[in-house]
């Protein structure tokens, strides 16, 4: 194994790690946006109920 082979393997491992981290970040961001949207919808329902009475 030459230096370039080990460097290529390191590069592949780093790209794989960055890809996995970005996938997890997108999943966490999606979950966060979903939870904010649910809270906003609940608040809007509560606000509408407040003025219907």
PDB file of N, CA and C in Angstrom:
ATOM      1  N   UNK A   1       0.849  -1.180   0.000  1.00  0.00           N
ATOM      2  CA  UNK A   1       0.000   0.000   0.000  1.00  0.00           C
ATOM      3  C   UNK A   1       0.896   1.244   0.000  1.00  0.00           C
ATOM      4  N   UNK A   2       0.648   2.087  -0.940  1.00  0.00           N
ATOM      5  CA  UNK A   2       1.439   3.308  -1.042  1.00  0.00           C
ATOM      6  C   UNK A   2       0.790   4.426  -0.238  1.00  0.00           C
ATOM      7  N   UNK A   3       1.483   5.511  -0.175  1.00  0.00           N
ATOM      8  CA  UNK A   3       0.962   6.692   0.518  1.00  0.00           C
ATOM      9  C   UNK A   3      -0.325   7.164  -0.151  1.00  0.00           C
ATOM     10  N   UNK A   4      -0.358   7.101  -1.480  1.00  0.00           N
ATOM     11  CA  UNK A   4      -1.538   7.591  -2.196  1.00  0.00           C
ATOM     12  C   UNK A   4      -2.748   6.695  -1.973  1.00  0.00           C
ATOM     13  N   UNK A   5      -2.531   5.381  -1.827  1.00  0.00           N
ATOM     14  CA  UNK A   5      -3.643   4.481  -1.521  1.00  0.00           C
ATOM     15  C   UNK A   5      -4.227   4.790  -0.144  1.00  0.00           C
ATOM     16  N   UNK A   6      -3.360   4.984   0.838  1.00  0.00           N
ATOM     17  CA  UNK A   6      -3.861   5.277   2.183  1.00  0.00           C
ATOM     18  C   UNK A   6      -4.530   6.651   2.218  1.00  0.00           C
ATOM     19  N   UNK A   7      -4.001   7.608   1.462  1.00  0.00           N
ATOM     20  CA  UNK A   7      -4.625   8.925   1.379  1.00  0.00           C
ATOM     21  C   UNK A   7      -5.997   8.825   0.719  1.00  0.00           C
ATOM     22  N   UNK A   8      -6.106   7.992  -0.316  1.00  0.00           N
ATOM     23  CA  UNK A   8      -7.387   7.798  -1.007  1.00  0.00           C
ATOM     24  C   UNK A   8      -8.408   7.155  -0.066  1.00  0.00           C
ATOM     25  N   UNK A   9      -7.966   6.175   0.727  1.00  0.00           N
ATOM     26  CA  UNK A   9      -8.875   5.545   1.696  1.00  0.00           C
ATOM     27  C   UNK A   9      -9.319   6.535   2.758  1.00  0.00           C
ATOM     28  N   UNK A  10      -8.398   7.382   3.204  1.00  0.00           N
ATOM     29  CA  UNK A  10      -8.744   8.405   4.186  1.00  0.00           C
ATOM     30  C   UNK A  10      -9.759   9.386   3.594  1.00  0.00           C
ATOM     31  N   UNK A  11      -9.539   9.768   2.348  1.00  0.00           N
ATOM     32  CA  UNK A  11     -10.461  10.695   1.685  1.00  0.00           C
ATOM     33  C   UNK A  11     -11.859  10.077   1.561  1.00  0.00           C
ATOM     34  N   UNK A  12     -11.926   8.794   1.196  1.00  0.00           N
ATOM     35  CA  UNK A  12     -13.220   8.107   1.088  1.00  0.00           C
ATOM     36  C   UNK A  12     -13.916   8.028   2.442  1.00  0.00           C
ATOM     37  N   UNK A  13     -13.147   7.770   3.497  1.00  0.00           N
ATOM     38  CA  UNK A  13     -13.726   7.689   4.839  1.00  0.00           C
ATOM     39  C   UNK A  13     -14.260   9.040   5.289  1.00  0.00           C
ATOM     40  N   UNK A  14     -13.521  10.102   4.997  1.00  0.00           N
ATOM     41  CA  UNK A  14     -13.980  11.443   5.373  1.00  0.00           C
ATOM     42  C   UNK A  14     -15.239  11.836   4.608  1.00  0.00           C
ATOM     43  N   UNK A  15     -15.285  11.516   3.332  1.00  0.00           N
ATOM     44  CA  UNK A  15     -16.481  11.826   2.538  1.00  0.00           C
ATOM     45  C   UNK A  15     -17.678  11.061   3.069  1.00  0.00           C
ATOM     46  N   UNK A  16     -17.472   9.800   3.439  1.00  0.00           N
ATOM     47  CA  UNK A  16     -18.559   8.997   4.002  1.00  0.00           C
ATOM     48  C   UNK A  16     -19.035   9.578   5.329  1.00  0.00           C
ATOM     49  N   UNK A  17     -18.095  10.001   6.169  1.00  0.00           N
ATOM     50  CA  UNK A  17     -18.452  10.593   7.464  1.00  0.00           C
ATOM     51  C   UNK A  17     -19.227  11.891   7.284  1.00  0.00           C
ATOM     52  N   UNK A  18     -18.767  12.739   6.377  1.00  0.00           N
ATOM     53  CA  UNK A  18     -19.457  14.014   6.132  1.00  0.00           C
ATOM     54  C   UNK A  18     -20.860  13.767   5.578  1.00  0.00           C
ATOM     55  N   UNK A  19     -20.989  12.781   4.702  1.00  0.00           N
ATOM     56  CA  UNK A  19     -22.306  12.448   4.146  1.00  0.00           C
ATOM     57  C   UNK A  19     -23.256  11.977   5.244  1.00  0.00           C
ATOM     58  N   UNK A  20     -22.767  11.100   6.136  1.00  0.00           N
ATOM     59  CA  UNK A  20     -23.613  10.611   7.235  1.00  0.00           C
ATOM     60  C   UNK A  20     -24.019  11.741   8.167  1.00  0.00           C
ATOM     61  N   UNK A  21     -23.088  12.634   8.494  1.00  0.00           N
ATOM     62  CA  UNK A  21     -23.395  13.754   9.383  1.00  0.00           C
ATOM     63  C   UNK A  21     -24.420  14.680   8.735  1.00  0.00           C
ATOM     64  N   UNK A  22     -24.284  14.935   7.441  1.00  0.00           N
ATOM     65  CA  UNK A  22     -25.231  15.840   6.788  1.00  0.00           C
ATOM     66  C   UNK A  22     -26.622  15.216   6.718  1.00  0.00           C
ATOM     67  N   UNK A  23     -26.684  13.887   6.522  1.00  0.00           N
ATOM     68  CA  UNK A  23     -28.003  13.222   6.522  1.00  0.00           C
ATOM     69  C   UNK A  23     -28.669  13.350   7.888  1.00  0.00           C
ATOM     70  N   UNK A  24     -27.902  13.138   8.954  1.00  0.00           N
ATOM     71  CA  UNK A  24     -28.456  13.275  10.303  1.00  0.00           C
ATOM     72  C   UNK A  24     -28.878  14.715  10.583  1.00  0.00           C
ATOM     73  N   UNK A  25     -28.095  15.672  10.108  1.00  0.00           N
ATOM     74  CA  UNK A  25     -28.439  17.079  10.321  1.00  0.00           C
ATOM     75  C   UNK A  25     -29.745  17.430   9.630  1.00  0.00           C
ATOM     76  N   UNK A  26     -29.921  16.929   8.416  1.00  0.00           N
ATOM     77  CA  UNK A  26     -31.163  17.185   7.688  1.00  0.00           C
ATOM     78  C   UNK A  26     -32.338  16.548   8.422  1.00  0.00           C
ATOM     79  N   UNK A  27     -32.143  15.343   8.945  1.00  0.00           N
ATOM     80  CA  UNK A  27     -33.216  14.670   9.678  1.00  0.00           C
ATOM     81  C   UNK A  27     -33.579  15.444  10.945  1.00  0.00           C
ATOM     82  N   UNK A  28     -32.563  15.914  11.680  1.00  0.00           N
ATOM     83  CA  UNK A  28     -32.833  16.683  12.893  1.00  0.00           C
ATOM     84  C   UNK A  28     -33.515  18.008  12.576  1.00  0.00           C
ATOM     85  N   UNK A  29     -33.077  18.667  11.514  1.00  0.00           N
ATOM     86  CA  UNK A  29     -33.690  19.930  11.112  1.00  0.00           C
ATOM     87  C   UNK A  29     -35.141  19.708  10.706  1.00  0.00           C
ATOM     88  N   UNK A  30     -35.414  18.621   9.987  1.00  0.00           N
ATOM     89  CA  UNK A  30     -36.777  18.303   9.570  1.00  0.00           C
ATOM     90  C   UNK A  30     -37.659  18.049  10.793  1.00  0.00           C
ATOM     91  N   UNK A  31     -37.146  17.321  11.763  1.00  0.00           N
ATOM     92  CA  UNK A  31     -37.913  17.061  12.987  1.00  0.00           C
ATOM     93  C   UNK A  31     -38.180  18.351  13.748  1.00  0.00           C
ATOM     94  N   UNK A  32     -37.188  19.222  13.805  1.00  0.00           N
ATOM     95  CA  UNK A  32     -37.338  20.500  14.501  1.00  0.00           C
ATOM     96  C   UNK A  32     -38.396  21.366  13.824  1.00  0.00           C
ATOM     97  N   UNK A  33     -38.355  21.444  12.492  1.00  0.00           N
ATOM     98  CA  UNK A  33     -39.336  22.238  11.753  1.00  0.00           C
ATOM     99  C   UNK A  33     -40.729  21.656  11.935  1.00  0.00           C
ATOM    100  N   UNK A  34     -40.846  20.321  11.934  1.00  0.00           N
ATOM    101  CA  UNK A  34     -42.149  19.690  12.165  1.00  0.00           C
ATOM    102  C   UNK A  34     -42.694  20.040  13.540  1.00  0.00           C
ATOM    103  N   UNK A  35     -41.859  20.009  14.548  1.00  0.00           N
ATOM    104  CA  UNK A  35     -42.344  20.314  15.900  1.00  0.00           C
ATOM    105  C   UNK A  35     -42.741  21.780  16.029  1.00  0.00           C
ATOM    106  N   UNK A  36     -41.991  22.679  15.395  1.00  0.00           N
ATOM    107  CA  UNK A  36     -42.364  24.104  15.417  1.00  0.00           C
ATOM    108  C   UNK A  36     -43.698  24.309  14.709  1.00  0.00           C
ATOM    109  N   UNK A  37     -43.897  23.620  13.585  1.00  0.00           N
ATOM    110  CA  UNK A  37     -45.159  23.750  12.856  1.00  0.00           C
ATOM    111  C   UNK A  37     -46.324  23.234  13.691  1.00  0.00           C
ATOM    112  N   UNK A  38     -46.135  22.125  14.413  1.00  0.00           N
ATOM    113  CA  UNK A  38     -47.219  21.593  15.245  1.00  0.00           C
ATOM    114  C   UNK A  38     -47.567  22.562  16.377  1.00  0.00           C
ATOM    115  N   UNK A  39     -46.564  23.171  16.990  1.00  0.00           N
ATOM    116  CA  UNK A  39     -46.814  24.144  18.053  1.00  0.00           C
ATOM    117  C   UNK A  39     -47.548  25.359  17.483  1.00  0.00           C
ATOM    118  N   UNK A  40     -47.147  25.814  16.296  1.00  0.00           N
ATOM    119  CA  UNK A  40     -47.809  26.970  15.678  1.00  0.00           C
ATOM    120  C   UNK A  40     -49.264  26.661  15.354  1.00  0.00           C
ATOM    121  N   UNK A  41     -49.530  25.453  14.862  1.00  0.00           N
ATOM    122  CA  UNK A  41     -50.917  25.069  14.548  1.00  0.00           C
ATOM    123  C   UNK A  41     -51.744  24.986  15.827  1.00  0.00           C
ATOM    124  N   UNK A  42     -51.181  24.406  16.890  1.00  0.00           N
ATOM    125  CA  UNK A  42     -51.900  24.334  18.168  1.00  0.00           C
ATOM    126  C   UNK A  42     -52.181  25.731  18.714  1.00  0.00           C
ATOM    127  N   UNK A  43     -51.213  26.631  18.590  1.00  0.00           N
ATOM    128  CA  UNK A  43     -51.421  27.996  19.059  1.00  0.00           C
ATOM    129  C   UNK A  43     -52.506  28.686  18.235  1.00  0.00           C
ATOM    130  N   UNK A  44     -52.513  28.473  16.918  1.00  0.00           N
ATOM    131  CA  UNK A  44     -53.534  29.090  16.066  1.00  0.00           C
ATOM    132  C   UNK A  44     -54.920  28.557  16.429  1.00  0.00           C
ATOM    133  N   UNK A  45     -55.025  27.244  16.694  1.00  0.00           N
ATOM    134  CA  UNK A  45     -56.313  26.677  17.118  1.00  0.00           C
ATOM    135  C   UNK A  45     -56.759  27.270  18.447  1.00  0.00           C
ATOM    136  N   UNK A  46     -55.840  27.402  19.389  1.00  0.00           N
ATOM    137  CA  UNK A  46     -56.178  27.983  20.678  1.00  0.00           C
ATOM    138  C   UNK A  46     -56.621  29.444  20.517  1.00  0.00           C
ATOM    139  N   UNK A  47     -55.928  30.176  19.661  1.00  0.00           N
ATOM    140  CA  UNK A  47     -56.251  31.580  19.420  1.00  0.00           C
ATOM    141  C   UNK A  47     -57.640  31.718  18.789  1.00  0.00           C
ATOM    142  N   UNK A  48     -57.954  30.829  17.833  1.00  0.00           N
ATOM    143  CA  UNK A  48     -59.286  30.864  17.215  1.00  0.00           C
ATOM    144  C   UNK A  48     -60.372  30.517  18.224  1.00  0.00           C
ATOM    145  N   UNK A  49     -60.107  29.532  19.082  1.00  0.00           N
ATOM    146  CA  UNK A  49     -61.082  29.165  20.104  1.00  0.00           C
ATOM    147  C   UNK A  49     -61.310  30.309  21.097  1.00  0.00           C
ATOM    148  N   UNK A  50     -60.284  31.075  21.350  1.00  0.00           N
ATOM    149  CA  UNK A  50     -60.372  32.181  22.286  1.00  0.00           C
ATOM    150  C   UNK A  50     -61.389  33.220  21.792  1.00  0.00           C
ATOM    151  N   UNK A  51     -61.404  33.485  20.501  1.00  0.00           N
ATOM    152  CA  UNK A  51     -62.288  34.526  19.958  1.00  0.00           C
ATOM    153  C   UNK A  51     -63.641  33.990  19.512  1.00  0.00           C
ATOM    154  N   UNK A  52     -63.805  32.668  19.445  1.00  0.00           N
ATOM    155  CA  UNK A  52     -65.122  32.118  19.092  1.00  0.00           C
ATOM    156  C   UNK A  52     -66.083  32.207  20.256  1.00  0.00           C
ATOM    157  N   UNK A  53     -65.564  32.196  21.456  1.00  0.00           N
ATOM    158  CA  UNK A  53     -66.464  32.176  22.622  1.00  0.00           C
ATOM    159  C   UNK A  53     -67.021  33.531  22.904  1.00  0.00           C
TER     160      UNK A  53
END
